[in-house]
Amino acid sequence: MSTLDTGLTLIRTAAERVSAANGWVGNAFKGWMPTGLYARALLIMIVPMVILQTVVAGVFMERHYNTVTRRLSAAVVQDVAALIDIYTIYPQDKDRAQLRRIAQRVQFTVDFLPVGDMPPPGPKPFFNLLDQALSAQIGRQIRRPFWIDTVGNSNLVEIRILLDDAVMRVFAQRSAAYASNSEIFLFWMVGTSSILLIVSVLFLRNQIKPILRLADAAESFGKGREVPNFRPRGAREVRRAAHAFLEMKARVERSIEQRTAMLSGVSHDLRTILTRFKLELALIGDSPELDAMRKDVDEMSGMLEDYLAFARGDSGENAQPTDMTLALEELRSDAERNGHQTTTAFRGLPVVTVKPASFKRCLANLVSNAARHAETISITGQRDHRYLTVMVDDDGPGIPANMREEVFKPFLRLDGARNQDEGGTGLGLAIARDIARSHGGDITLSDSPMGGLRATVRVPV
């Protein structure tokens, strides 16, 4: 391998590692990020505000606060140095009254102690900017041994300077050497930001509400339910999306109404012809050939009803609270009248909002499909805070795993399969899935603990 190939391989390997690291960081960041629009919008508002305030506060504390404190400390040390010069150069009275009077003009309290009253240097506070600034200015301007206390009394600063024959002790106001307005700045910054944040949260909540109402309306329409008093509200883009949803909803409903009207007309015409067939056959009399024809006419009537039911779906029926325990008991009674041993059970709150007639037909198709090929049937229902789940188990021969999606296709009849029925049309499972999906759910097939097939209906509540 040449040097160029080796270099390209190393570059490719490094790029792959960088890409993998970026992917890992991105996934970790997504895991920490909130998923809701409201929380993300709040983050978009809060994070820049916090960063801006942090930068402003940092600049203020670093530049303004430190600079002002140093300048005030320098001014205090200059006054102390002036008092030392007056004491050293000019003659003093016995009790130094004139020097104390001059010190009072700059709001100092001065007295003189014996030379032995100079305390030893103590540990310096790590975060005390005033102590650092005073120490630096005294060392630069006075250049004499000193001792300061900036912590003991919160309102005063004590400075002791060792002179030739005494120790000058000066008490100065802490505010004269320290920028004390920083807390006020931080208080106003945090206070105004909190007020603005509260106003922003309230405003953002009002902007999010129309989006949530639009999502609820779309979800309810997908479940076959109506949302009363829904109208476009909120920002211009949200109102535009709501208008588009209402137009789409109207087009879908209009298409369903047209299809239903057309099917009703076809149903009326075909039923009229079949009725004439039945009447003519009844007038002819009885014979084996006529019995076969009557059977064919009855089969044609059943097939017509199945076709129309599949094409019509559950249009025209409104969702309403339904007691599922009663619905399952009715299914059990129907199955037992046909000679099948059937058990039912339900867990959770039984009242669920569904289209009662169509949903019962969905479950009845599954039960009848199981009854054709099994002796024992079990119907189990369960409801939690999100879904209603109904499972129909049997002890029949079942359906191969690779054909469990194929049997839901309309008009499909598998030889030797469960939906093979001499008088059937292959629409039972297709109608059941169509009804389940119109409620926002679905039907899945799997192996049953009873040895046959399990049909599971799951719809949101």
Protein backbone atom coordinates (compact mmCIF):
# COMPACT_ATOMS: atom_id res chain seq x y z
CA MET A 1 0.00 0.00 0.00
CA SER A 2 1.39 3.41 -0.95
CA THR A 3 1.83 6.37 1.39
CA LEU A 4 -1.10 8.15 -0.30
CA ASP A 5 -3.43 5.18 0.28
CA THR A 6 -2.37 5.00 3.92
CA GLY A 7 -3.06 8.70 4.38
CA LEU A 8 -6.48 8.43 2.73
CA THR A 9 -7.33 5.46 4.95
CA LEU A 10 -6.38 7.40 8.07
CA ILE A 11 -8.40 10.43 6.95
CA ARG A 12 -11.43 8.23 6.19
CA THR A 13 -11.16 6.53 9.58
CA ALA A 14 -10.90 9.86 11.38
CA ALA A 15 -13.90 11.22 9.46
CA GLU A 16 -15.95 8.16 10.40
CA ARG A 17 -15.05 8.60 14.07
CA VAL A 18 -15.93 12.28 13.97
CA SER A 19 -19.25 11.46 12.30
CA ALA A 20 -20.02 8.80 14.91
CA ALA A 21 -19.14 11.21 17.72
CA ASN A 22 -21.38 13.89 16.20
CA GLY A 23 -24.20 11.38 15.92
CA TRP A 24 -23.78 10.33 19.54
CA VAL A 25 -23.73 13.97 20.73
CA GLY A 26 -26.79 14.75 18.59
CA ASN A 27 -28.74 11.80 19.98
CA ALA A 28 -27.78 12.70 23.54
CA PHE A 29 -28.83 16.31 22.94
CA LYS A 30 -32.16 15.19 21.48
CA GLY A 31 -32.73 13.02 24.52
CA TRP A 32 -32.40 16.05 26.80
CA MET A 33 -34.51 18.34 24.61
CA PRO A 34 -38.24 18.59 25.34
CA THR A 35 -40.59 17.18 22.72
CA GLY A 36 -43.52 19.58 23.09
CA LEU A 37 -43.85 22.80 21.08
CA TYR A 38 -44.73 24.80 24.19
CA ALA A 39 -41.61 23.68 26.08
CA ARG A 40 -39.37 24.21 23.04
CA ALA A 41 -40.75 27.71 22.47
CA LEU A 42 -40.12 28.54 26.12
CA LEU A 43 -36.56 27.28 25.75
CA ILE A 44 -36.08 29.45 22.66
CA MET A 45 -37.18 32.46 24.72
CA ILE A 46 -35.47 31.67 28.03
CA VAL A 47 -32.04 30.47 26.87
CA PRO A 48 -31.10 33.65 24.90
CA MET A 49 -32.40 35.81 27.77
CA VAL A 50 -30.34 33.91 30.35
CA ILE A 51 -27.23 34.01 28.15
CA LEU A 52 -27.66 37.74 27.50
CA GLN A 53 -28.16 38.52 31.18
CA THR A 54 -25.20 36.37 32.14
CA VAL A 55 -22.97 38.20 29.69
CA VAL A 56 -24.28 41.62 30.78
CA ALA A 57 -23.90 40.75 34.45
CA GLY A 58 -20.41 39.38 33.83
CA VAL A 59 -19.34 42.49 31.94
CA PHE A 60 -20.89 44.73 34.61
CA MET A 61 -19.28 42.88 37.48
CA GLU A 62 -15.94 42.66 35.74
CA ARG A 63 -15.74 46.16 34.32
CA HIS A 64 -18.06 48.52 36.16
CA TYR A 65 -18.14 46.90 39.60
CA ASN A 66 -14.41 46.19 39.81
CA THR A 67 -13.42 49.53 38.33
CA VAL A 68 -15.67 51.57 40.61
CA THR A 69 -14.55 49.66 43.68
CA ARG A 70 -10.89 50.20 42.84
CA ARG A 71 -11.42 53.92 42.23
CA LEU A 72 -13.36 54.38 45.46
CA SER A 73 -10.70 52.46 47.38
CA ALA A 74 -8.01 54.62 45.80
CA ALA A 75 -9.87 57.77 46.87
CA VAL A 76 -10.18 56.53 50.45
CA VAL A 77 -6.46 55.66 50.58
CA GLN A 78 -5.61 59.11 49.17
CA ASP A 79 -7.53 60.75 52.03
CA VAL A 80 -5.76 58.50 54.54
CA ALA A 81 -2.41 59.39 52.96
CA ALA A 82 -3.29 63.10 53.20
CA LEU A 83 -4.05 62.70 56.90
CA ILE A 84 -0.71 60.94 57.43
CA ASP A 85 1.09 63.79 55.61
CA ILE A 86 -0.67 66.36 57.81
CA TYR A 87 0.27 64.42 60.92
CA THR A 88 3.88 64.06 59.81
CA ILE A 89 4.60 67.54 58.37
CA TYR A 90 2.54 69.95 60.42
CA PRO A 91 2.78 70.41 64.20
CA GLN A 92 -0.10 68.93 66.14
CA ASP A 93 -1.90 70.00 69.24
CA LYS A 94 -1.78 67.81 72.29
CA ASP A 95 -4.97 65.79 71.68
CA ARG A 96 -4.79 66.12 67.86
CA ALA A 97 -8.23 67.80 67.73
CA GLN A 98 -7.47 69.67 64.51
CA LEU A 99 -6.53 66.44 62.70
CA ARG A 100 -9.72 64.73 63.89
CA ARG A 101 -11.75 67.72 62.73
CA ILE A 102 -10.17 67.54 59.28
CA ALA A 103 -10.86 63.78 59.17
CA GLN A 104 -14.51 64.34 59.98
CA ARG A 105 -14.83 66.48 56.84
CA VAL A 106 -14.14 63.37 54.76
CA GLN A 107 -16.34 61.25 57.08
CA PHE A 108 -13.43 59.48 58.79
CA THR A 109 -13.01 58.66 62.45
CA VAL A 110 -9.32 58.87 63.46
CA ASP A 111 -7.55 57.99 66.68
CA PHE A 112 -4.01 57.05 67.61
CA LEU A 113 -2.89 53.90 69.39
CA PRO A 114 0.44 52.85 70.88
CA VAL A 115 2.91 51.24 68.55
CA GLY A 116 2.34 47.84 70.11
CA ASP A 117 -1.34 47.79 69.12
CA MET A 118 -0.56 46.73 65.57
CA PRO A 119 -2.19 43.28 65.04
CA PRO A 120 -0.34 40.69 62.98
CA PRO A 121 -1.46 40.28 59.34
CA GLY A 122 -4.44 37.93 59.05
CA PRO A 123 -5.50 35.64 56.21
CA LYS A 124 -6.84 37.42 53.17
CA PRO A 125 -10.44 36.72 52.10
CA PHE A 126 -10.36 34.97 48.74
CA PHE A 127 -13.43 36.61 47.15
CA ASN A 128 -13.29 40.03 48.90
CA LEU A 129 -12.57 42.55 46.19
CA LEU A 130 -12.55 45.47 48.67
CA ASP A 131 -9.79 43.88 50.74
CA GLN A 132 -7.69 43.31 47.64
CA ALA A 133 -8.24 46.82 46.30
CA LEU A 134 -7.46 48.56 49.62
CA SER A 135 -4.35 46.46 50.19
CA ALA A 136 -3.06 47.26 46.71
CA GLN A 137 -3.70 51.01 47.05
CA ILE A 138 -2.17 51.27 50.54
CA GLY A 139 0.91 49.44 49.39
CA ARG A 140 1.16 51.70 46.32
CA GLN A 141 0.39 55.13 47.94
CA ILE A 142 1.39 54.93 51.61
CA ARG A 143 4.09 52.25 51.62
CA ARG A 144 4.00 51.70 55.37
CA PRO A 145 3.11 48.61 57.40
CA PHE A 146 -0.69 48.36 57.65
CA TRP A 147 -3.52 46.19 58.85
CA ILE A 148 -7.09 46.32 57.53
CA ASP A 149 -10.39 44.72 58.48
CA THR A 150 -13.09 44.74 55.81
CA VAL A 151 -15.15 41.87 57.21
CA GLY A 152 -15.68 42.47 60.95
CA ASN A 153 -18.13 45.39 60.76
CA SER A 154 -20.41 45.36 57.75
CA ASN A 155 -20.83 49.18 57.68
CA LEU A 156 -17.26 50.29 58.51
CA VAL A 157 -13.78 49.56 57.25
CA GLU A 158 -10.92 49.70 59.76
CA ILE A 159 -7.46 50.70 58.57
CA ARG A 160 -4.37 50.78 60.83
CA ILE A 161 -1.16 52.38 59.60
CA LEU A 162 2.14 52.06 61.56
CA LEU A 163 3.72 55.52 61.95
CA ASP A 164 7.02 56.45 63.61
CA ASP A 165 5.60 57.05 67.07
CA ALA A 166 2.03 55.67 66.96
CA VAL A 167 -0.49 53.59 65.08
CA MET A 168 -3.10 55.62 63.19
CA ARG A 169 -6.49 53.89 63.23
CA VAL A 170 -9.02 55.09 60.67
CA PHE A 171 -12.68 54.06 60.47
CA ALA A 172 -14.24 54.79 57.07
CA GLN A 173 -17.70 54.11 55.74
CA ARG A 174 -17.79 50.92 53.75
CA SER A 175 -19.93 52.59 51.07
CA ALA A 176 -17.16 55.18 50.53
CA ALA A 177 -14.75 52.44 49.36
CA TYR A 178 -17.13 49.88 47.89
CA ALA A 179 -19.56 49.90 44.94
CA SER A 180 -22.71 48.96 46.83
CA ASN A 181 -25.21 49.44 44.01
CA SER A 182 -24.42 46.15 42.26
CA GLU A 183 -27.10 44.28 44.21
CA ILE A 184 -29.66 46.84 43.08
CA PHE A 185 -28.60 46.30 39.48
CA LEU A 186 -28.90 42.52 39.78
CA PHE A 187 -32.26 42.82 41.57
CA TRP A 188 -33.74 45.02 38.87
CA MET A 189 -32.31 42.85 36.12
CA VAL A 190 -33.72 39.63 37.58
CA GLY A 191 -37.01 41.28 38.57
CA THR A 192 -37.75 42.82 35.17
CA SER A 193 -36.69 39.63 33.42
CA SER A 194 -39.07 37.60 35.59
CA ILE A 195 -41.95 39.93 34.78
CA LEU A 196 -41.17 39.77 31.06
CA LEU A 197 -40.89 35.99 31.26
CA ILE A 198 -44.29 35.67 32.95
CA VAL A 199 -45.88 37.88 30.29
CA SER A 200 -44.17 35.86 27.56
CA VAL A 201 -45.38 32.56 29.05
CA LEU A 202 -48.97 33.78 29.19
CA PHE A 203 -48.79 35.11 25.64
CA LEU A 204 -47.15 31.95 24.34
CA ARG A 205 -49.79 29.77 26.01
CA ASN A 206 -52.51 31.69 24.19
CA GLN A 207 -50.65 31.18 20.93
CA ILE A 208 -50.24 27.44 21.53
CA LYS A 209 -53.92 26.83 22.37
CA PRO A 210 -55.17 27.17 18.73
CA ILE A 211 -52.54 24.65 17.61
CA LEU A 212 -53.65 22.19 20.29
CA ARG A 213 -57.30 22.67 19.32
CA LEU A 214 -56.42 22.03 15.67
CA ALA A 215 -54.53 18.85 16.65
CA ASP A 216 -57.49 17.67 18.75
CA ALA A 217 -59.88 18.35 15.86
CA ALA A 218 -57.71 16.41 13.40
CA GLU A 219 -57.34 13.52 15.84
CA SER A 220 -61.08 13.41 16.50
CA PHE A 221 -61.82 13.48 12.78
CA GLY A 222 -59.43 10.56 12.32
CA LYS A 223 -61.40 8.67 14.98
CA GLY A 224 -64.70 9.44 13.27
CA ARG A 225 -65.81 11.97 15.90
CA GLU A 226 -66.95 15.56 15.66
CA VAL A 227 -65.40 18.49 17.53
CA PRO A 228 -68.10 21.03 18.42
CA ASN A 229 -67.45 24.78 18.19
CA PHE A 230 -64.16 24.40 16.35
CA ARG A 231 -63.18 27.45 14.34
CA PRO A 232 -59.90 28.96 13.13
CA ARG A 233 -58.19 31.06 15.79
CA GLY A 234 -54.75 32.29 16.70
CA ALA A 235 -51.97 33.58 14.47
CA ARG A 236 -52.33 33.93 10.72
CA GLU A 237 -50.41 30.74 9.94
CA VAL A 238 -52.44 28.74 12.48
CA ARG A 239 -55.73 30.09 11.06
CA ARG A 240 -54.53 29.19 7.58
CA ALA A 241 -53.81 25.62 8.67
CA ALA A 242 -57.22 25.43 10.39
CA HIS A 243 -59.00 26.67 7.24
CA ALA A 244 -57.10 24.07 5.18
CA PHE A 245 -58.15 21.35 7.63
CA LEU A 246 -61.81 22.41 7.48
CA GLU A 247 -61.74 22.44 3.67
CA MET A 248 -60.13 18.99 3.60
CA LYS A 249 -62.69 17.71 6.09
CA ALA A 250 -65.53 19.09 3.98
CA ARG A 251 -64.11 17.47 0.80
CA VAL A 252 -63.75 14.11 2.52
CA GLU A 253 -67.26 14.24 3.94
CA ARG A 254 -68.67 15.34 0.58
CA SER A 255 -66.92 12.46 -1.16
CA ILE A 256 -68.29 10.00 1.40
CA GLU A 257 -71.79 11.43 1.01
CA GLN A 258 -71.60 11.13 -2.79
CA ARG A 259 -70.37 7.55 -2.55
CA THR A 260 -73.08 6.69 -0.05
CA ALA A 261 -75.78 8.26 -2.23
CA MET A 262 -74.54 6.37 -5.29
CA LEU A 263 -74.43 3.08 -3.39
CA SER A 264 -77.91 3.69 -2.03
CA GLY A 265 -79.19 4.10 -5.58
CA VAL A 266 -77.42 0.96 -6.77
CA SER A 267 -78.69 -0.93 -3.74
CA HIS A 268 -82.26 0.17 -4.42
CA ASP A 269 -82.11 -0.88 -8.09
CA LEU A 270 -80.52 -4.27 -7.40
CA ARG A 271 -82.85 -5.03 -4.54
CA THR A 272 -85.80 -4.24 -6.78
CA ILE A 273 -84.61 -6.79 -9.36
CA LEU A 274 -83.93 -9.43 -6.67
CA THR A 275 -87.38 -8.83 -5.20
CA ARG A 276 -88.95 -9.48 -8.60
CA PHE A 277 -86.90 -12.68 -8.90
CA LYS A 278 -88.15 -13.87 -5.52
CA LEU A 279 -91.76 -13.00 -6.41
CA GLU A 280 -91.59 -14.80 -9.76
CA LEU A 281 -90.01 -17.86 -8.15
CA ALA A 282 -92.73 -17.89 -5.51
CA LEU A 283 -95.44 -17.79 -8.19
CA ILE A 284 -93.93 -20.62 -10.26
CA GLY A 285 -94.19 -23.24 -7.56
CA ASP A 286 -91.93 -25.82 -5.90
CA SER A 287 -89.33 -28.03 -7.57
CA PRO A 288 -85.71 -29.01 -6.90
CA GLU A 289 -84.53 -26.66 -9.65
CA LEU A 290 -86.49 -23.75 -8.18
CA ASP A 291 -85.09 -24.44 -4.72
CA ALA A 292 -81.58 -24.13 -6.12
CA MET A 293 -82.54 -20.87 -7.83
CA ARG A 294 -84.02 -19.52 -4.59
CA LYS A 295 -80.81 -20.41 -2.81
CA ASP A 296 -78.81 -18.54 -5.46
CA VAL A 297 -81.05 -15.48 -5.11
CA ASP A 298 -80.63 -15.52 -1.31
CA GLU A 299 -76.88 -15.83 -1.73
CA MET A 300 -76.90 -12.92 -4.17
CA SER A 301 -78.85 -10.85 -1.62
CA GLY A 302 -76.30 -11.65 1.10
CA MET A 303 -73.40 -10.84 -1.20
CA LEU A 304 -75.02 -7.55 -2.16
CA GLU A 305 -75.43 -6.59 1.48
CA ASP A 306 -71.76 -7.42 2.16
CA TYR A 307 -70.56 -5.36 -0.81
CA LEU A 308 -72.65 -2.37 0.20
CA ALA A 309 -71.58 -2.64 3.84
CA PHE A 310 -67.91 -2.70 2.84
CA ALA A 311 -68.24 0.25 0.45
CA ARG A 312 -70.46 2.26 2.78
CA GLY A 313 -68.34 1.68 5.89
CA ASP A 314 -69.69 3.37 9.02
CA SER A 315 -70.66 6.68 7.46
CA GLY A 316 -73.56 8.51 8.97
CA GLU A 317 -73.16 7.11 12.50
CA ASN A 318 -72.03 9.37 15.34
CA ALA A 319 -69.70 8.25 18.10
CA GLN A 320 -71.24 8.03 21.55
CA PRO A 321 -70.40 6.49 24.95
CA THR A 322 -70.94 2.72 24.78
CA ASP A 323 -70.83 0.09 27.52
CA MET A 324 -68.41 -2.51 26.20
CA THR A 325 -69.36 -5.14 28.78
CA LEU A 326 -72.91 -5.22 27.40
CA ALA A 327 -71.59 -5.36 23.82
CA LEU A 328 -69.34 -8.32 24.65
CA GLU A 329 -72.20 -10.10 26.42
CA GLU A 330 -74.37 -9.73 23.32
CA LEU A 331 -71.60 -11.25 21.20
CA ARG A 332 -71.28 -14.13 23.66
CA SER A 333 -75.03 -14.79 23.57
CA ASP A 334 -75.07 -14.81 19.76
CA ALA A 335 -72.13 -17.23 19.61
CA GLU A 336 -73.65 -19.58 22.18
CA ARG A 337 -76.96 -19.65 20.32
CA ASN A 338 -75.00 -20.96 17.35
CA GLY A 339 -73.59 -23.79 19.48
CA HIS A 340 -70.14 -22.39 20.42
CA GLN A 341 -68.75 -22.32 23.92
CA THR A 342 -67.86 -18.68 24.56
CA THR A 343 -66.44 -16.76 27.54
CA THR A 344 -66.07 -12.99 28.05
CA ALA A 345 -64.07 -10.80 30.42
CA PHE A 346 -63.40 -7.06 30.66
CA ARG A 347 -60.98 -5.02 32.76
CA GLY A 348 -61.04 -1.28 33.29
CA LEU A 349 -63.68 1.38 32.81
CA PRO A 350 -66.24 -0.18 30.42
CA VAL A 351 -67.72 3.03 28.93
CA VAL A 352 -65.88 3.94 25.70
CA THR A 353 -66.79 6.50 23.03
CA VAL A 354 -67.18 4.59 19.74
CA LYS A 355 -69.70 4.22 16.94
CA PRO A 356 -71.73 1.48 18.60
CA ALA A 357 -73.35 -0.27 15.63
CA SER A 358 -70.25 -0.30 13.42
CA PHE A 359 -67.89 -1.27 16.23
CA LYS A 360 -70.18 -4.09 17.26
CA ARG A 361 -70.20 -5.28 13.65
CA CYS A 362 -66.38 -5.19 13.66
CA LEU A 363 -66.28 -7.47 16.69
CA ALA A 364 -69.13 -9.65 15.36
CA ASN A 365 -67.19 -10.28 12.14
CA LEU A 366 -64.19 -11.44 14.16
CA VAL A 367 -66.35 -13.67 16.35
CA SER A 368 -68.18 -15.16 13.36
CA ASN A 369 -64.85 -15.75 11.62
CA ALA A 370 -63.67 -17.65 14.70
CA ALA A 371 -66.98 -19.53 15.00
CA ARG A 372 -66.66 -21.02 11.50
CA HIS A 373 -63.53 -22.94 12.39
CA ALA A 374 -63.47 -23.36 16.19
CA GLU A 375 -65.54 -24.82 18.98
CA THR A 376 -64.40 -22.60 21.86
CA ILE A 377 -64.13 -18.82 21.73
CA SER A 378 -62.79 -16.35 24.31
CA ILE A 379 -63.53 -12.59 24.12
CA THR A 380 -61.39 -10.40 26.38
CA GLY A 381 -61.55 -6.61 26.68
CA GLN A 382 -59.31 -4.14 28.44
CA ARG A 383 -59.32 -0.36 28.70
CA ASP A 384 -56.53 1.89 30.01
CA HIS A 385 -56.05 5.64 29.85
CA ARG A 386 -55.17 5.53 26.13
CA TYR A 387 -56.56 2.47 24.35
CA LEU A 388 -59.42 0.02 24.24
CA THR A 389 -58.18 -3.48 23.39
CA VAL A 390 -60.46 -6.40 22.54
CA MET A 391 -58.97 -9.87 21.86
CA VAL A 392 -60.90 -12.72 20.23
CA ASP A 393 -59.18 -16.10 20.80
CA ASP A 394 -60.22 -19.53 19.54
CA ASP A 395 -58.97 -23.12 19.36
CA GLY A 396 -59.29 -23.48 15.59
CA PRO A 397 -56.62 -24.33 12.99
CA GLY A 398 -55.39 -20.72 12.72
CA ILE A 399 -53.87 -18.89 9.76
CA PRO A 400 -50.23 -19.18 8.62
CA ALA A 401 -48.09 -16.25 9.75
CA ASN A 402 -47.19 -15.28 6.19
CA MET A 403 -50.87 -14.95 5.22
CA ARG A 404 -52.16 -12.93 8.18
CA GLU A 405 -51.98 -9.63 6.32
CA GLU A 406 -53.28 -11.06 3.05
CA VAL A 407 -56.61 -12.12 4.59
CA PHE A 408 -57.52 -8.46 5.17
CA LYS A 409 -57.60 -7.73 1.45
CA PRO A 410 -61.15 -7.29 0.10
CA PHE A 411 -62.71 -10.25 -1.75
CA LEU A 412 -59.73 -12.47 -0.94
CA ARG A 413 -60.68 -16.10 -0.13
CA LEU A 414 -57.87 -18.46 0.76
CA ASP A 415 -58.30 -22.16 0.01
CA GLY A 416 -58.25 -24.03 3.29
CA ALA A 417 -58.00 -20.80 5.28
CA ARG A 418 -60.29 -19.53 7.98
CA ASN A 419 -62.17 -17.07 5.83
CA GLN A 420 -63.04 -19.68 3.26
CA ASP A 421 -66.83 -19.91 3.39
CA GLU A 422 -69.02 -21.46 0.81
CA GLY A 423 -71.48 -18.61 0.98
CA GLY A 424 -69.04 -15.87 1.94
CA THR A 425 -67.54 -13.05 -0.03
CA GLY A 426 -64.16 -12.65 1.70
CA LEU A 427 -65.14 -9.25 3.13
CA GLY A 428 -65.58 -10.04 6.84
CA LEU A 429 -62.05 -9.23 7.98
CA ALA A 430 -61.73 -6.36 5.50
CA ILE A 431 -64.87 -4.73 6.88
CA ALA A 432 -63.66 -5.27 10.45
CA ARG A 433 -60.29 -3.63 9.78
CA ASP A 434 -61.93 -0.78 7.88
CA ILE A 435 -64.18 -0.06 10.88
CA ALA A 436 -61.27 -0.30 13.34
CA ARG A 437 -59.18 2.11 11.26
CA SER A 438 -62.09 4.53 10.97
CA HIS A 439 -61.93 4.71 14.78
CA GLY A 440 -58.19 5.51 14.63
CA GLY A 441 -57.09 1.96 15.51
CA ASP A 442 -56.26 -1.31 13.77
CA ILE A 443 -56.61 -5.10 13.88
CA THR A 444 -53.71 -7.53 14.14
CA LEU A 445 -53.61 -11.34 13.99
CA SER A 446 -51.33 -13.54 16.07
CA ASP A 447 -51.13 -16.96 17.71
CA SER A 448 -53.64 -17.62 20.46
CA PRO A 449 -52.81 -19.27 23.80
CA MET A 450 -55.80 -21.53 23.09
CA GLY A 451 -53.97 -22.99 20.09
CA GLY A 452 -55.79 -21.16 17.31
CA LEU A 453 -55.86 -17.54 16.17
CA ARG A 454 -55.98 -14.34 18.19
CA ALA A 455 -57.55 -11.25 16.58
CA THR A 456 -56.71 -8.06 18.50
CA VAL A 457 -58.68 -4.86 18.01
CA ARG A 458 -57.01 -1.75 19.43
CA VAL A 459 -58.57 1.70 19.20
CA PRO A 460 -57.77 4.93 21.08
CA VAL A 461 -60.25 6.07 23.68
